[in-house]
Amino acid sequence: MSKTVYPLIIVWGMLLLTIVGVSLLAFWALSNPNYAAIKPPLNKNVPIWCYGALVLSCAAGCLLISKSLESEK
């Protein structure tokens, strides 16, 4: 193996550890509602426009990322 493979393994390993660590922290925070500093609102009905805004923002982010990756080629 060439010497440039080992730094790539370290980078990908650190990225994997970061993703797993953040995921575990988020799961722990979501599974322990008493730990949250902000109490959730009593109204359980979320307006439909909130879901629409979430979908549109995710789609726009995906399009921006795909366009930037295509321009690098």
N, C-alpha and C. Protein backbone atom coordinates (compact mmCIF):
# COMPACT_ATOMS: atom_id res chain seq x y z
N MET A 1 0.83 -1.18 0.00
CA MET A 1 0.00 0.00 0.00
C MET A 1 0.88 1.24 0.00
N SER A 2 0.38 2.27 -0.64
CA SER A 2 1.14 3.52 -0.64
C SER A 2 0.93 4.26 0.67
N LYS A 3 1.78 5.23 0.91
CA LYS A 3 1.74 5.96 2.18
C LYS A 3 0.55 6.91 2.27
N THR A 4 -0.12 7.21 1.17
CA THR A 4 -1.25 8.14 1.20
C THR A 4 -2.55 7.47 1.63
N VAL A 5 -2.56 6.17 1.74
CA VAL A 5 -3.78 5.46 2.11
C VAL A 5 -4.06 5.64 3.60
N TYR A 6 -3.06 5.65 4.42
CA TYR A 6 -3.26 5.73 5.87
C TYR A 6 -3.92 7.03 6.31
N PRO A 7 -3.51 8.19 5.79
CA PRO A 7 -4.24 9.40 6.17
C PRO A 7 -5.71 9.37 5.76
N LEU A 8 -6.00 8.76 4.61
CA LEU A 8 -7.40 8.65 4.19
C LEU A 8 -8.19 7.76 5.14
N ILE A 9 -7.59 6.70 5.62
CA ILE A 9 -8.25 5.82 6.58
C ILE A 9 -8.53 6.59 7.87
N ILE A 10 -7.59 7.40 8.29
CA ILE A 10 -7.78 8.20 9.51
C ILE A 10 -8.90 9.21 9.31
N VAL A 11 -8.92 9.88 8.17
CA VAL A 11 -9.97 10.88 7.89
C VAL A 11 -11.35 10.22 7.87
N TRP A 12 -11.47 9.12 7.15
CA TRP A 12 -12.77 8.43 7.07
C TRP A 12 -13.17 7.85 8.42
N GLY A 13 -12.20 7.37 9.18
CA GLY A 13 -12.50 6.86 10.51
C GLY A 13 -12.98 7.95 11.44
N MET A 14 -12.34 9.10 11.40
CA MET A 14 -12.78 10.22 12.24
C MET A 14 -14.16 10.71 11.81
N LEU A 15 -14.42 10.73 10.51
CA LEU A 15 -15.74 11.13 10.03
C LEU A 15 -16.80 10.15 10.51
N LEU A 16 -16.50 8.87 10.45
CA LEU A 16 -17.45 7.86 10.92
C LEU A 16 -17.69 8.00 12.42
N LEU A 17 -16.63 8.20 13.19
CA LEU A 17 -16.78 8.38 14.63
C LEU A 17 -17.60 9.63 14.97
N THR A 18 -17.40 10.70 14.21
CA THR A 18 -18.16 11.92 14.43
C THR A 18 -19.64 11.70 14.16
N ILE A 19 -19.95 11.04 13.05
CA ILE A 19 -21.35 10.79 12.70
C ILE A 19 -22.00 9.88 13.73
N VAL A 20 -21.31 8.83 14.14
CA VAL A 20 -21.87 7.92 15.14
C VAL A 20 -22.04 8.64 16.48
N GLY A 21 -21.06 9.45 16.87
CA GLY A 21 -21.15 10.18 18.13
C GLY A 21 -22.31 11.17 18.16
N VAL A 22 -22.47 11.92 17.09
CA VAL A 22 -23.59 12.87 17.02
C VAL A 22 -24.92 12.14 17.00
N SER A 23 -24.97 11.02 16.30
CA SER A 23 -26.21 10.23 16.25
C SER A 23 -26.57 9.68 17.62
N LEU A 24 -25.59 9.17 18.34
CA LEU A 24 -25.86 8.66 19.69
C LEU A 24 -26.29 9.77 20.64
N LEU A 25 -25.65 10.93 20.53
CA LEU A 25 -26.04 12.06 21.37
C LEU A 25 -27.47 12.51 21.06
N ALA A 26 -27.82 12.57 19.78
CA ALA A 26 -29.17 12.96 19.41
C ALA A 26 -30.19 11.93 19.89
N PHE A 27 -29.87 10.65 19.74
CA PHE A 27 -30.79 9.61 20.21
C PHE A 27 -30.98 9.69 21.72
N TRP A 28 -29.89 9.92 22.44
CA TRP A 28 -29.98 10.02 23.89
C TRP A 28 -30.83 11.23 24.30
N ALA A 29 -30.62 12.37 23.64
CA ALA A 29 -31.36 13.57 23.98
C ALA A 29 -32.85 13.42 23.65
N LEU A 30 -33.15 12.73 22.56
CA LEU A 30 -34.55 12.54 22.18
C LEU A 30 -35.24 11.50 23.05
N SER A 31 -34.49 10.55 23.56
CA SER A 31 -35.10 9.50 24.38
C SER A 31 -35.24 9.90 25.84
N ASN A 32 -34.64 11.01 26.25
CA ASN A 32 -34.75 11.51 27.62
C ASN A 32 -35.42 12.87 27.62
N PRO A 33 -36.74 12.93 27.56
CA PRO A 33 -37.41 14.24 27.47
C PRO A 33 -37.25 15.08 28.74
N ASN A 34 -36.97 14.47 29.89
CA ASN A 34 -36.80 15.24 31.12
C ASN A 34 -35.50 16.04 31.11
N TYR A 35 -34.57 15.67 30.26
CA TYR A 35 -33.29 16.36 30.20
C TYR A 35 -33.38 17.68 29.42
N ALA A 36 -34.39 17.79 28.57
CA ALA A 36 -34.52 18.98 27.72
C ALA A 36 -34.75 20.23 28.56
N ALA A 37 -34.04 21.30 28.23
CA ALA A 37 -34.19 22.56 28.96
C ALA A 37 -35.45 23.29 28.55
N ILE A 38 -35.87 23.10 27.31
CA ILE A 38 -37.07 23.77 26.80
C ILE A 38 -38.21 22.76 26.80
N LYS A 39 -39.27 23.11 27.45
CA LYS A 39 -40.43 22.22 27.49
C LYS A 39 -41.18 22.30 26.17
N PRO A 40 -41.63 21.18 25.65
CA PRO A 40 -42.36 21.20 24.39
C PRO A 40 -43.72 21.87 24.58
N PRO A 41 -44.25 22.50 23.54
CA PRO A 41 -45.57 23.13 23.66
C PRO A 41 -46.67 22.09 23.86
N LEU A 42 -47.74 22.51 24.47
CA LEU A 42 -48.84 21.58 24.73
C LEU A 42 -49.62 21.25 23.48
N ASN A 43 -49.58 22.13 22.49
CA ASN A 43 -50.30 21.89 21.24
C ASN A 43 -49.56 20.83 20.43
N LYS A 44 -50.20 19.70 20.21
CA LYS A 44 -49.56 18.60 19.47
C LYS A 44 -49.80 18.70 17.97
N ASN A 45 -50.69 19.57 17.53
CA ASN A 45 -51.01 19.69 16.11
C ASN A 45 -50.02 20.63 15.44
N VAL A 46 -49.24 20.07 14.52
CA VAL A 46 -48.26 20.86 13.77
C VAL A 46 -48.91 21.26 12.46
N PRO A 47 -48.83 22.54 12.10
CA PRO A 47 -49.44 22.97 10.84
C PRO A 47 -48.76 22.29 9.65
N ILE A 48 -49.53 22.07 8.60
CA ILE A 48 -49.03 21.35 7.43
C ILE A 48 -47.94 22.16 6.72
N TRP A 49 -47.96 23.49 6.83
CA TRP A 49 -46.94 24.29 6.17
C TRP A 49 -45.56 24.06 6.77
N CYS A 50 -45.50 23.63 8.02
CA CYS A 50 -44.20 23.30 8.62
C CYS A 50 -43.57 22.11 7.92
N TYR A 51 -44.38 21.11 7.62
CA TYR A 51 -43.87 19.95 6.90
C TYR A 51 -43.46 20.35 5.48
N GLY A 52 -44.25 21.20 4.85
CA GLY A 52 -43.92 21.66 3.51
C GLY A 52 -42.61 22.44 3.49
N ALA A 53 -42.41 23.29 4.49
CA ALA A 53 -41.16 24.06 4.57
C ALA A 53 -39.97 23.14 4.78
N LEU A 54 -40.15 22.12 5.58
CA LEU A 54 -39.08 21.16 5.82
C LEU A 54 -38.71 20.41 4.53
N VAL A 55 -39.72 19.97 3.81
CA VAL A 55 -39.49 19.25 2.55
C VAL A 55 -38.80 20.15 1.53
N LEU A 56 -39.27 21.39 1.41
CA LEU A 56 -38.67 22.30 0.43
C LEU A 56 -37.23 22.66 0.78
N SER A 57 -36.97 22.85 2.05
CA SER A 57 -35.59 23.19 2.43
C SER A 57 -34.65 22.01 2.22
N CYS A 58 -35.11 20.81 2.50
CA CYS A 58 -34.27 19.63 2.26
C CYS A 58 -34.02 19.43 0.76
N ALA A 59 -35.07 19.62 -0.04
CA ALA A 59 -34.92 19.47 -1.49
C ALA A 59 -33.98 20.53 -2.05
N ALA A 60 -34.09 21.77 -1.56
CA ALA A 60 -33.21 22.83 -2.05
C ALA A 60 -31.76 22.55 -1.66
N GLY A 61 -31.54 22.05 -0.46
CA GLY A 61 -30.19 21.71 -0.04
C GLY A 61 -29.60 20.59 -0.89
N CYS A 62 -30.41 19.59 -1.18
CA CYS A 62 -29.94 18.49 -2.03
C CYS A 62 -29.60 18.98 -3.43
N LEU A 63 -30.43 19.87 -3.97
CA LEU A 63 -30.15 20.40 -5.30
C LEU A 63 -28.87 21.23 -5.31
N LEU A 64 -28.66 22.04 -4.30
CA LEU A 64 -27.44 22.84 -4.22
C LEU A 64 -26.20 21.96 -4.13
N ILE A 65 -26.28 20.91 -3.33
CA ILE A 65 -25.14 20.01 -3.19
C ILE A 65 -24.87 19.28 -4.49
N SER A 66 -25.92 18.81 -5.16
CA SER A 66 -25.72 18.07 -6.42
C SER A 66 -25.17 19.00 -7.51
N LYS A 67 -25.64 20.24 -7.55
CA LYS A 67 -25.12 21.19 -8.55
C LYS A 67 -23.66 21.51 -8.28
N SER A 68 -23.28 21.65 -7.01
CA SER A 68 -21.88 21.96 -6.71
C SER A 68 -20.99 20.76 -7.02
N LEU A 69 -21.49 19.55 -6.82
CA LEU A 69 -20.69 18.37 -7.15
C LEU A 69 -20.56 18.21 -8.66
N GLU A 70 -21.61 18.54 -9.41
CA GLU A 70 -21.54 18.44 -10.87
C GLU A 70 -20.57 19.48 -11.46
N SER A 71 -20.53 20.66 -10.85
CA SER A 71 -19.65 21.70 -11.38
C SER A 71 -18.18 21.39 -11.14
N GLU A 72 -17.87 20.55 -10.17
CA GLU A 72 -16.48 20.18 -9.89
C GLU A 72 -15.93 19.19 -10.92
N LYS A 73 -16.80 18.50 -11.63
CA LYS A 73 -16.34 17.48 -12.59
C LYS A 73 -15.73 18.07 -13.81
